[in-house]
Amino acid sequence: MRNIEQLIKELIPPNDYQNRNGFSNEHIVLSLTEKEKVEVERNLIEMPKQEEDDMIGETLTIMKSTDSLPTLQKRLNLTKSPTMKIIWASYINEINNGDEKMKEIALNEMDKISEKYSRIGIFHHLAKFRDSRINDKIRNFINHEDYLTAYNARTSLGMETAEIIKREQIKNGIGTKKWWEI
């Protein structure tokens, strides 16, 4: 059995851009032995009590940790941020293979997110609910005037993005001239 403390450090690197940008720990989770999984799960369940790090929730979700549900629910109840409420609710929903209460939370909290980058970042979490009401709200953004908003809304729903890309290129004067024109 590998050192559990070291495994936790590998699974949950420091919460900064340098360590988390493009990071995924799914391959590490999938490589855990049953004994390691039990110990890692036990340690991770204790961690959200001290800090609000969604990588912990994401890891417990990959592990399908039903034992973590009370802790995830507490974290959901403690957070004030609509974005974080949606993220924690999405983890609970995924572990439960669907949860109407979590879908309602996501629907209500989505309307409270108006800041562009928060909204863009939450589309993919919202799409994981696989709920027609939530997807309809995401669809309201698929033709948004802001390119990143429209692009992320479309990709979260698995929609084609060529139309949005072309619209942005035309708006920026890219692709409107032939290669030999200056």
N, C-alpha and C. Protein backbone atom coordinates (compact mmCIF):
# COMPACT_ATOMS: atom_id res chain seq x y z
N MET A 1 0.85 -1.18 0.00
CA MET A 1 0.00 0.00 0.00
C MET A 1 0.90 1.24 0.00
N ARG A 2 0.54 2.19 -0.88
CA ARG A 2 1.30 3.44 -0.96
C ARG A 2 1.01 4.32 0.26
N ASN A 3 1.88 5.26 0.48
CA ASN A 3 1.73 6.21 1.58
C ASN A 3 0.48 7.08 1.34
N ILE A 4 -0.48 7.02 2.25
CA ILE A 4 -1.76 7.72 2.08
C ILE A 4 -1.57 9.24 2.08
N GLU A 5 -0.72 9.71 2.96
CA GLU A 5 -0.48 11.16 3.02
C GLU A 5 0.07 11.67 1.69
N GLN A 6 0.98 10.91 1.09
CA GLN A 6 1.55 11.28 -0.20
C GLN A 6 0.49 11.20 -1.31
N LEU A 7 -0.34 10.18 -1.25
CA LEU A 7 -1.43 10.04 -2.24
C LEU A 7 -2.38 11.24 -2.17
N ILE A 8 -2.70 11.68 -0.96
CA ILE A 8 -3.59 12.84 -0.79
C ILE A 8 -2.95 14.08 -1.42
N LYS A 9 -1.65 14.25 -1.22
CA LYS A 9 -0.95 15.40 -1.82
C LYS A 9 -0.98 15.33 -3.35
N GLU A 10 -0.88 14.13 -3.89
CA GLU A 10 -0.94 13.96 -5.34
C GLU A 10 -2.36 14.22 -5.85
N LEU A 11 -3.34 13.74 -5.11
CA LEU A 11 -4.74 13.90 -5.52
C LEU A 11 -5.22 15.34 -5.39
N ILE A 12 -4.79 16.03 -4.34
CA ILE A 12 -5.26 17.39 -4.06
C ILE A 12 -4.04 18.31 -3.98
N PRO A 13 -3.52 18.75 -5.14
CA PRO A 13 -2.37 19.64 -5.11
C PRO A 13 -2.77 21.02 -4.57
N PRO A 14 -1.81 21.88 -4.27
CA PRO A 14 -2.14 23.22 -3.79
C PRO A 14 -3.13 23.92 -4.72
N ASN A 15 -4.03 24.67 -4.12
CA ASN A 15 -5.12 25.31 -4.87
C ASN A 15 -4.64 26.63 -5.46
N ASP A 16 -3.81 26.52 -6.50
CA ASP A 16 -3.36 27.71 -7.22
C ASP A 16 -3.25 27.37 -8.71
N TYR A 17 -3.14 28.39 -9.52
CA TYR A 17 -3.11 28.23 -10.97
C TYR A 17 -1.98 27.30 -11.41
N GLN A 18 -0.81 27.50 -10.86
CA GLN A 18 0.36 26.72 -11.26
C GLN A 18 0.15 25.22 -11.06
N ASN A 19 -0.51 24.84 -9.98
CA ASN A 19 -0.69 23.42 -9.66
C ASN A 19 -1.99 22.82 -10.18
N ARG A 20 -2.98 23.66 -10.47
CA ARG A 20 -4.29 23.12 -10.84
C ARG A 20 -4.67 23.33 -12.31
N ASN A 21 -4.02 24.23 -13.01
CA ASN A 21 -4.39 24.50 -14.39
C ASN A 21 -4.20 23.24 -15.24
N GLY A 22 -5.29 22.72 -15.77
CA GLY A 22 -5.25 21.52 -16.60
C GLY A 22 -5.06 20.22 -15.83
N PHE A 23 -5.07 20.30 -14.51
CA PHE A 23 -4.84 19.13 -13.67
C PHE A 23 -6.07 18.24 -13.60
N SER A 24 -5.84 16.95 -13.67
CA SER A 24 -6.88 15.95 -13.45
C SER A 24 -6.27 14.84 -12.60
N ASN A 25 -7.04 14.38 -11.63
CA ASN A 25 -6.53 13.31 -10.78
C ASN A 25 -7.27 11.99 -11.00
N GLU A 26 -8.10 11.95 -12.00
CA GLU A 26 -8.90 10.75 -12.25
C GLU A 26 -8.03 9.51 -12.42
N HIS A 27 -6.92 9.64 -13.13
CA HIS A 27 -6.04 8.48 -13.34
C HIS A 27 -5.47 7.98 -12.02
N ILE A 28 -5.22 8.89 -11.08
CA ILE A 28 -4.71 8.48 -9.77
C ILE A 28 -5.80 7.74 -9.00
N VAL A 29 -7.01 8.31 -9.02
CA VAL A 29 -8.15 7.68 -8.32
C VAL A 29 -8.38 6.27 -8.86
N LEU A 30 -8.35 6.15 -10.17
CA LEU A 30 -8.61 4.84 -10.79
C LEU A 30 -7.50 3.83 -10.52
N SER A 31 -6.31 4.30 -10.14
CA SER A 31 -5.20 3.39 -9.86
C SER A 31 -5.17 2.91 -8.40
N LEU A 32 -6.04 3.45 -7.55
CA LEU A 32 -6.04 3.08 -6.13
C LEU A 32 -6.48 1.64 -5.92
N THR A 33 -5.79 0.96 -5.03
CA THR A 33 -6.24 -0.36 -4.61
C THR A 33 -7.46 -0.17 -3.70
N GLU A 34 -8.17 -1.23 -3.42
CA GLU A 34 -9.34 -1.11 -2.54
C GLU A 34 -8.96 -0.58 -1.16
N LYS A 35 -7.86 -1.06 -0.64
CA LYS A 35 -7.38 -0.62 0.68
C LYS A 35 -7.03 0.87 0.66
N GLU A 36 -6.32 1.29 -0.40
CA GLU A 36 -5.95 2.69 -0.54
C GLU A 36 -7.19 3.56 -0.70
N LYS A 37 -8.13 3.07 -1.48
CA LYS A 37 -9.36 3.83 -1.71
C LYS A 37 -10.09 4.10 -0.40
N VAL A 38 -10.20 3.10 0.45
CA VAL A 38 -10.88 3.27 1.75
C VAL A 38 -10.18 4.34 2.58
N GLU A 39 -8.85 4.27 2.66
CA GLU A 39 -8.09 5.23 3.46
C GLU A 39 -8.13 6.64 2.87
N VAL A 40 -7.98 6.73 1.55
CA VAL A 40 -8.03 8.04 0.89
C VAL A 40 -9.41 8.66 1.08
N GLU A 41 -10.45 7.86 0.88
CA GLU A 41 -11.82 8.35 1.05
C GLU A 41 -12.03 8.89 2.46
N ARG A 42 -11.61 8.13 3.45
CA ARG A 42 -11.76 8.54 4.85
C ARG A 42 -11.07 9.89 5.10
N ASN A 43 -9.87 10.05 4.57
CA ASN A 43 -9.13 11.30 4.74
C ASN A 43 -9.79 12.46 4.00
N LEU A 44 -10.23 12.21 2.79
CA LEU A 44 -10.86 13.27 1.99
C LEU A 44 -12.17 13.74 2.62
N ILE A 45 -12.92 12.83 3.20
CA ILE A 45 -14.20 13.20 3.83
C ILE A 45 -13.97 14.19 4.97
N GLU A 46 -12.86 14.09 5.64
CA GLU A 46 -12.55 15.02 6.74
C GLU A 46 -12.10 16.39 6.23
N MET A 47 -11.52 16.44 5.05
CA MET A 47 -10.92 17.68 4.55
C MET A 47 -11.91 18.82 4.29
N PRO A 48 -13.08 18.60 3.68
CA PRO A 48 -13.97 19.75 3.41
C PRO A 48 -14.49 20.44 4.67
N LYS A 49 -14.34 19.80 5.80
CA LYS A 49 -14.76 20.42 7.05
C LYS A 49 -13.87 21.61 7.38
N GLN A 50 -12.63 21.58 6.88
CA GLN A 50 -11.69 22.66 7.16
C GLN A 50 -11.63 23.70 6.05
N GLU A 51 -11.85 23.31 4.82
CA GLU A 51 -11.71 24.25 3.71
C GLU A 51 -12.69 23.93 2.59
N GLU A 52 -12.98 24.97 1.80
CA GLU A 52 -13.89 24.79 0.68
C GLU A 52 -13.07 24.64 -0.61
N ASP A 53 -12.64 23.43 -0.86
CA ASP A 53 -11.84 23.11 -2.04
C ASP A 53 -12.65 22.12 -2.87
N ASP A 54 -13.15 22.58 -4.00
CA ASP A 54 -14.01 21.72 -4.80
C ASP A 54 -13.26 20.54 -5.42
N MET A 55 -11.92 20.57 -5.45
CA MET A 55 -11.17 19.41 -5.94
C MET A 55 -11.41 18.20 -5.03
N ILE A 56 -11.63 18.46 -3.75
CA ILE A 56 -11.93 17.38 -2.81
C ILE A 56 -13.28 16.76 -3.18
N GLY A 57 -14.26 17.61 -3.40
CA GLY A 57 -15.59 17.11 -3.80
C GLY A 57 -15.54 16.38 -5.13
N GLU A 58 -14.78 16.92 -6.08
CA GLU A 58 -14.65 16.28 -7.39
C GLU A 58 -14.03 14.89 -7.25
N THR A 59 -13.01 14.78 -6.41
CA THR A 59 -12.33 13.50 -6.20
C THR A 59 -13.27 12.49 -5.55
N LEU A 60 -14.01 12.94 -4.54
CA LEU A 60 -14.98 12.04 -3.89
C LEU A 60 -16.07 11.62 -4.87
N THR A 61 -16.40 12.49 -5.80
CA THR A 61 -17.39 12.15 -6.83
C THR A 61 -16.84 11.10 -7.78
N ILE A 62 -15.60 11.25 -8.20
CA ILE A 62 -14.96 10.24 -9.06
C ILE A 62 -14.96 8.89 -8.34
N MET A 63 -14.76 8.93 -7.03
CA MET A 63 -14.73 7.70 -6.23
C MET A 63 -16.13 7.16 -5.97
N LYS A 64 -17.16 7.92 -6.35
CA LYS A 64 -18.56 7.55 -6.10
C LYS A 64 -18.80 7.30 -4.60
N SER A 65 -18.24 8.18 -3.78
CA SER A 65 -18.25 8.03 -2.34
C SER A 65 -19.60 8.41 -1.72
N THR A 66 -20.44 7.43 -1.51
CA THR A 66 -21.71 7.70 -0.85
C THR A 66 -21.50 8.07 0.62
N ASP A 67 -20.41 7.62 1.21
CA ASP A 67 -20.10 7.97 2.60
C ASP A 67 -19.82 9.47 2.75
N SER A 68 -19.45 10.13 1.66
CA SER A 68 -19.12 11.56 1.74
C SER A 68 -20.35 12.47 1.64
N LEU A 69 -21.50 11.90 1.33
CA LEU A 69 -22.70 12.73 1.10
C LEU A 69 -23.04 13.66 2.27
N PRO A 70 -23.01 13.22 3.53
CA PRO A 70 -23.31 14.16 4.62
C PRO A 70 -22.32 15.34 4.67
N THR A 71 -21.05 15.06 4.42
CA THR A 71 -20.03 16.11 4.43
C THR A 71 -20.24 17.07 3.26
N LEU A 72 -20.52 16.53 2.09
CA LEU A 72 -20.77 17.39 0.92
C LEU A 72 -22.01 18.24 1.14
N GLN A 73 -23.02 17.67 1.76
CA GLN A 73 -24.25 18.42 2.06
C GLN A 73 -23.95 19.56 3.04
N LYS A 74 -23.12 19.31 4.04
CA LYS A 74 -22.75 20.36 4.99
C LYS A 74 -22.01 21.48 4.28
N ARG A 75 -21.09 21.11 3.39
CA ARG A 75 -20.33 22.11 2.63
C ARG A 75 -21.28 22.93 1.76
N LEU A 76 -22.23 22.28 1.13
CA LEU A 76 -23.24 22.97 0.32
C LEU A 76 -24.02 23.96 1.19
N ASN A 77 -24.42 23.54 2.36
CA ASN A 77 -25.21 24.39 3.25
C ASN A 77 -24.41 25.58 3.78
N LEU A 78 -23.10 25.42 3.93
CA LEU A 78 -22.26 26.48 4.48
C LEU A 78 -21.90 27.57 3.48
N THR A 79 -21.83 27.20 2.21
CA THR A 79 -21.36 28.18 1.22
C THR A 79 -22.42 29.22 0.90
N LYS A 80 -21.95 30.43 0.68
CA LYS A 80 -22.84 31.55 0.32
C LYS A 80 -22.81 31.82 -1.18
N SER A 81 -21.78 31.35 -1.85
CA SER A 81 -21.58 31.62 -3.27
C SER A 81 -22.53 30.78 -4.14
N PRO A 82 -23.30 31.42 -5.02
CA PRO A 82 -24.16 30.65 -5.93
C PRO A 82 -23.36 29.66 -6.79
N THR A 83 -22.19 30.08 -7.23
CA THR A 83 -21.34 29.21 -8.04
C THR A 83 -20.95 27.97 -7.27
N MET A 84 -20.48 28.15 -6.04
CA MET A 84 -20.06 27.01 -5.23
C MET A 84 -21.25 26.14 -4.83
N LYS A 85 -22.42 26.75 -4.62
CA LYS A 85 -23.61 25.95 -4.33
C LYS A 85 -23.90 24.99 -5.49
N ILE A 86 -23.80 25.50 -6.71
CA ILE A 86 -24.05 24.67 -7.89
C ILE A 86 -23.01 23.55 -7.97
N ILE A 87 -21.76 23.88 -7.72
CA ILE A 87 -20.69 22.88 -7.81
C ILE A 87 -20.92 21.77 -6.78
N TRP A 88 -21.16 22.14 -5.52
CA TRP A 88 -21.38 21.11 -4.49
C TRP A 88 -22.65 20.32 -4.78
N ALA A 89 -23.69 20.99 -5.24
CA ALA A 89 -24.94 20.28 -5.59
C ALA A 89 -24.70 19.31 -6.75
N SER A 90 -23.85 19.70 -7.71
CA SER A 90 -23.57 18.81 -8.84
C SER A 90 -22.86 17.54 -8.39
N TYR A 91 -21.98 17.66 -7.39
CA TYR A 91 -21.29 16.48 -6.89
C TYR A 91 -22.27 15.54 -6.19
N ILE A 92 -23.14 16.11 -5.38
CA ILE A 92 -24.14 15.30 -4.67
C ILE A 92 -25.06 14.63 -5.68
N ASN A 93 -25.50 15.40 -6.67
CA ASN A 93 -26.37 14.87 -7.72
C ASN A 93 -25.70 13.71 -8.46
N GLU A 94 -24.44 13.87 -8.78
CA GLU A 94 -23.72 12.82 -9.53
C GLU A 94 -23.54 11.56 -8.69
N ILE A 95 -23.18 11.71 -7.43
CA ILE A 95 -23.00 10.54 -6.56
C ILE A 95 -24.33 9.81 -6.39
N ASN A 96 -25.42 10.56 -6.30
CA ASN A 96 -26.76 9.96 -6.13
C ASN A 96 -27.38 9.50 -7.45
N ASN A 97 -26.68 9.67 -8.56
CA ASN A 97 -27.23 9.36 -9.89
C ASN A 97 -28.54 10.10 -10.14
N GLY A 98 -28.57 11.36 -9.72
CA GLY A 98 -29.74 12.21 -9.88
C GLY A 98 -30.36 12.52 -8.54
N ASP A 99 -30.69 13.80 -8.35
CA ASP A 99 -31.24 14.23 -7.08
C ASP A 99 -32.07 15.49 -7.33
N GLU A 100 -33.37 15.36 -7.22
CA GLU A 100 -34.27 16.48 -7.54
C GLU A 100 -34.00 17.71 -6.69
N LYS A 101 -33.69 17.51 -5.43
CA LYS A 101 -33.41 18.65 -4.55
C LYS A 101 -32.18 19.42 -5.05
N MET A 102 -31.16 18.70 -5.49
CA MET A 102 -29.93 19.33 -5.99
C MET A 102 -30.21 20.05 -7.31
N LYS A 103 -31.07 19.49 -8.13
CA LYS A 103 -31.44 20.14 -9.39
C LYS A 103 -32.16 21.45 -9.12
N GLU A 104 -33.02 21.47 -8.13
CA GLU A 104 -33.73 22.70 -7.75
C GLU A 104 -32.75 23.76 -7.25
N ILE A 105 -31.79 23.34 -6.47
CA ILE A 105 -30.77 24.28 -6.00
C ILE A 105 -30.03 24.88 -7.19
N ALA A 106 -29.64 24.05 -8.13
CA ALA A 106 -28.91 24.53 -9.31
C ALA A 106 -29.77 25.51 -10.11
N LEU A 107 -31.03 25.18 -10.30
CA LEU A 107 -31.94 26.07 -11.03
C LEU A 107 -32.04 27.43 -10.35
N ASN A 108 -32.20 27.44 -9.04
CA ASN A 108 -32.35 28.69 -8.30
C ASN A 108 -31.06 29.50 -8.26
N GLU A 109 -29.95 28.83 -8.06
CA GLU A 109 -28.67 29.53 -7.93
C GLU A 109 -28.17 30.05 -9.28
N MET A 110 -28.51 29.38 -10.35
CA MET A 110 -28.05 29.80 -11.67
C MET A 110 -28.49 31.23 -11.98
N ASP A 111 -29.68 31.58 -11.58
CA ASP A 111 -30.21 32.92 -11.84
C ASP A 111 -29.46 34.01 -11.06
N LYS A 112 -28.72 33.63 -10.04
CA LYS A 112 -27.99 34.59 -9.22
C LYS A 112 -26.59 34.88 -9.76
N ILE A 113 -26.18 34.15 -10.79
CA ILE A 113 -24.83 34.33 -11.33
C ILE A 113 -24.91 35.26 -12.54
N SER A 114 -24.35 36.44 -12.37
CA SER A 114 -24.38 37.41 -13.46
C SER A 114 -22.97 37.75 -13.97
N GLU A 115 -21.97 37.46 -13.17
CA GLU A 115 -20.60 37.76 -13.57
C GLU A 115 -20.18 36.79 -14.67
N LYS A 116 -19.68 37.33 -15.76
CA LYS A 116 -19.36 36.58 -16.98
C LYS A 116 -18.52 35.33 -16.72
N TYR A 117 -17.39 35.47 -16.07
CA TYR A 117 -16.48 34.34 -15.93
C TYR A 117 -17.01 33.28 -14.97
N SER A 118 -17.76 33.69 -13.99
CA SER A 118 -18.41 32.72 -13.10
C SER A 118 -19.44 31.91 -13.88
N ARG A 119 -20.21 32.58 -14.72
CA ARG A 119 -21.23 31.91 -15.52
C ARG A 119 -20.58 30.94 -16.50
N ILE A 120 -19.54 31.40 -17.18
CA ILE A 120 -18.85 30.54 -18.15
C ILE A 120 -18.34 29.28 -17.46
N GLY A 121 -17.76 29.44 -16.30
CA GLY A 121 -17.18 28.31 -15.59
C GLY A 121 -18.19 27.32 -15.05
N ILE A 122 -19.42 27.73 -14.92
CA ILE A 122 -20.43 26.88 -14.29
C ILE A 122 -21.27 26.09 -15.31
N PHE A 123 -21.24 26.48 -16.58
CA PHE A 123 -22.06 25.79 -17.59
C PHE A 123 -21.84 24.28 -17.59
N HIS A 124 -20.60 23.84 -17.51
CA HIS A 124 -20.32 22.40 -17.59
C HIS A 124 -20.81 21.66 -16.35
N HIS A 125 -20.74 22.31 -15.20
CA HIS A 125 -21.31 21.69 -13.98
C HIS A 125 -22.83 21.58 -14.12
N LEU A 126 -23.45 22.61 -14.66
CA LEU A 126 -24.90 22.60 -14.83
C LEU A 126 -25.35 21.51 -15.81
N ALA A 127 -24.60 21.34 -16.88
CA ALA A 127 -24.97 20.33 -17.88
C ALA A 127 -24.92 18.92 -17.31
N LYS A 128 -24.08 18.70 -16.29
CA LYS A 128 -23.97 17.37 -15.68
C LYS A 128 -25.26 16.94 -14.97
N PHE A 129 -26.14 17.89 -14.68
CA PHE A 129 -27.40 17.54 -14.02
C PHE A 129 -28.33 16.78 -14.97
N ARG A 130 -28.12 16.94 -16.27
CA ARG A 130 -28.95 16.28 -17.29
C ARG A 130 -30.43 16.52 -17.02
N ASP A 131 -30.75 17.79 -16.84
CA ASP A 131 -32.12 18.19 -16.53
C ASP A 131 -32.60 19.16 -17.63
N SER A 132 -33.75 18.89 -18.21
CA SER A 132 -34.22 19.71 -19.33
C SER A 132 -34.43 21.16 -18.92
N ARG A 133 -34.86 21.42 -17.69
CA ARG A 133 -35.08 22.80 -17.25
C ARG A 133 -33.75 23.55 -17.14
N ILE A 134 -32.75 22.88 -16.63
CA ILE A 134 -31.42 23.50 -16.53
C ILE A 134 -30.83 23.70 -17.92
N ASN A 135 -30.95 22.68 -18.77
CA ASN A 135 -30.43 22.80 -20.13
C ASN A 135 -31.12 23.92 -20.90
N ASP A 136 -32.42 24.12 -20.66
CA ASP A 136 -33.13 25.23 -21.31
C ASP A 136 -32.55 26.58 -20.88
N LYS A 137 -32.18 26.68 -19.61
CA LYS A 137 -31.56 27.93 -19.14
C LYS A 137 -30.19 28.13 -19.77
N ILE A 138 -29.45 27.05 -19.95
CA ILE A 138 -28.15 27.15 -20.62
C ILE A 138 -28.37 27.57 -22.07
N ARG A 139 -29.39 27.01 -22.72
CA ARG A 139 -29.68 27.35 -24.13
C ARG A 139 -29.93 28.84 -24.32
N ASN A 140 -30.38 29.52 -23.28
CA ASN A 140 -30.58 30.97 -23.39
C ASN A 140 -29.28 31.71 -23.70
N PHE A 141 -28.15 31.05 -23.54
CA PHE A 141 -26.85 31.70 -23.74
C PHE A 141 -26.12 31.23 -24.99
N ILE A 142 -26.70 30.31 -25.77
CA ILE A 142 -25.96 29.73 -26.90
C ILE A 142 -25.73 30.73 -28.04
N ASN A 143 -26.49 31.80 -28.07
CA ASN A 143 -26.28 32.84 -29.08
C ASN A 143 -25.92 34.18 -28.44
N HIS A 144 -25.43 34.13 -27.24
CA HIS A 144 -25.07 35.33 -26.50
C HIS A 144 -24.07 36.16 -27.31
N GLU A 145 -24.15 37.46 -27.17
CA GLU A 145 -23.24 38.34 -27.92
C GLU A 145 -21.78 38.15 -27.52
N ASP A 146 -21.55 37.74 -26.28
CA ASP A 146 -20.18 37.47 -25.84
C ASP A 146 -19.77 36.08 -26.33
N TYR A 147 -18.66 36.05 -27.05
CA TYR A 147 -18.18 34.82 -27.66
C TYR A 147 -17.94 33.71 -26.64
N LEU A 148 -17.22 34.01 -25.54
CA LEU A 148 -16.91 32.98 -24.56
C LEU A 148 -18.16 32.42 -23.89
N THR A 149 -19.12 33.28 -23.66
CA THR A 149 -20.38 32.83 -23.06
C THR A 149 -21.09 31.87 -24.01
N ALA A 150 -21.26 32.28 -25.26
CA ALA A 150 -21.95 31.45 -26.25
C ALA A 150 -21.19 30.14 -26.50
N TYR A 151 -19.88 30.24 -26.63
CA TYR A 151 -19.06 29.05 -26.91
C TYR A 151 -19.18 28.03 -25.78
N ASN A 152 -19.01 28.48 -24.54
CA ASN A 152 -19.07 27.56 -23.39
C ASN A 152 -20.48 27.01 -23.17
N ALA A 153 -21.50 27.79 -23.41
CA ALA A 153 -22.87 27.29 -23.29
C ALA A 153 -23.08 26.16 -24.30
N ARG A 154 -22.61 26.38 -25.53
CA ARG A 154 -22.76 25.36 -26.57
C ARG A 154 -21.96 24.09 -26.25
N THR A 155 -20.70 24.26 -25.87
CA THR A 155 -19.89 23.06 -25.62
C THR A 155 -20.42 22.27 -24.42
N SER A 156 -20.97 22.95 -23.43
CA SER A 156 -21.50 22.24 -22.26
C SER A 156 -22.68 21.35 -22.64
N LEU A 157 -23.40 21.75 -23.70
CA LEU A 157 -24.56 20.98 -24.16
C LEU A 157 -24.20 20.05 -25.32
N GLY A 158 -22.92 20.03 -25.70
CA GLY A 158 -22.48 19.17 -26.80
C GLY A 158 -22.92 19.67 -28.16
N MET A 159 -23.12 20.98 -28.27
CA MET A 159 -23.59 21.57 -29.52
C MET A 159 -22.41 22.01 -30.39
N GLU A 160 -22.65 22.11 -31.67
CA GLU A 160 -21.67 22.58 -32.64
C GLU A 160 -21.32 24.05 -32.35
N THR A 161 -20.05 24.40 -32.53
CA THR A 161 -19.60 25.76 -32.24
C THR A 161 -19.14 26.53 -33.47
N ALA A 162 -19.14 25.89 -34.63
CA ALA A 162 -18.61 26.52 -35.85
C ALA A 162 -19.29 27.86 -36.13
N GLU A 163 -20.59 27.94 -35.94
CA GLU A 163 -21.34 29.17 -36.20
C GLU A 163 -20.85 30.32 -35.31
N ILE A 164 -20.63 30.03 -34.05
CA ILE A 164 -20.17 31.04 -33.10
C ILE A 164 -18.73 31.46 -33.42
N ILE A 165 -17.90 30.50 -33.78
CA ILE A 165 -16.51 30.80 -34.13
C ILE A 165 -16.47 31.70 -35.36
N LYS A 166 -17.25 31.36 -36.38
CA LYS A 166 -17.29 32.17 -37.60
C LYS A 166 -17.78 33.57 -37.30
N ARG A 167 -18.81 33.69 -36.48
CA ARG A 167 -19.36 35.01 -36.10
C ARG A 167 -18.27 35.85 -35.44
N GLU A 168 -17.49 35.26 -34.57
CA GLU A 168 -16.43 35.98 -33.87
C GLU A 168 -15.31 36.37 -34.83
N GLN A 169 -14.98 35.49 -35.76
CA GLN A 169 -13.93 35.81 -36.73
C GLN A 169 -14.35 36.99 -37.61
N ILE A 170 -15.59 36.99 -38.05
CA ILE A 170 -16.09 38.10 -38.87
C ILE A 170 -16.07 39.39 -38.07
N LYS A 171 -16.52 39.31 -36.83
CA LYS A 171 -16.53 40.48 -35.94
C LYS A 171 -15.13 41.06 -35.78
N ASN A 172 -14.13 40.19 -35.73
CA ASN A 172 -12.75 40.64 -35.55
C ASN A 172 -11.99 40.82 -36.86
N GLY A 173 -12.69 40.68 -38.00
CA GLY A 173 -12.06 40.87 -39.30
C GLY A 173 -11.14 39.75 -39.71
N ILE A 174 -11.27 38.61 -39.07
CA ILE A 174 -10.43 37.45 -39.41
C ILE A 174 -11.18 36.59 -40.41
N GLY A 175 -10.50 36.23 -41.48
CA GLY A 175 -11.12 35.33 -42.45
C GLY A 175 -12.00 36.05 -43.47
N THR A 176 -12.04 37.38 -43.43
CA THR A 176 -12.86 38.09 -44.40
C THR A 176 -12.06 38.49 -45.63
N LYS A 177 -10.74 38.46 -45.51
CA LYS A 177 -9.87 38.80 -46.65
C LYS A 177 -9.21 37.53 -47.16
N LYS A 178 -8.90 37.52 -48.44
CA LYS A 178 -8.18 36.41 -49.03
C LYS A 178 -6.72 36.48 -48.57
N TRP A 179 -6.02 35.38 -48.62
CA TRP A 179 -4.65 35.32 -48.12
C TRP A 179 -3.71 36.28 -48.83
N TRP A 180 -4.03 36.62 -50.08
CA TRP A 180 -3.14 37.49 -50.84
C TRP A 180 -3.46 38.97 -50.64
N GLU A 181 -4.58 39.25 -49.96
CA GLU A 181 -4.95 40.65 -49.70
C GLU A 181 -4.30 41.13 -48.39
N ILE A 182 -4.00 42.39 -48.37
CA ILE A 182 -3.42 42.96 -47.14
C ILE A 182 -4.43 43.82 -46.44
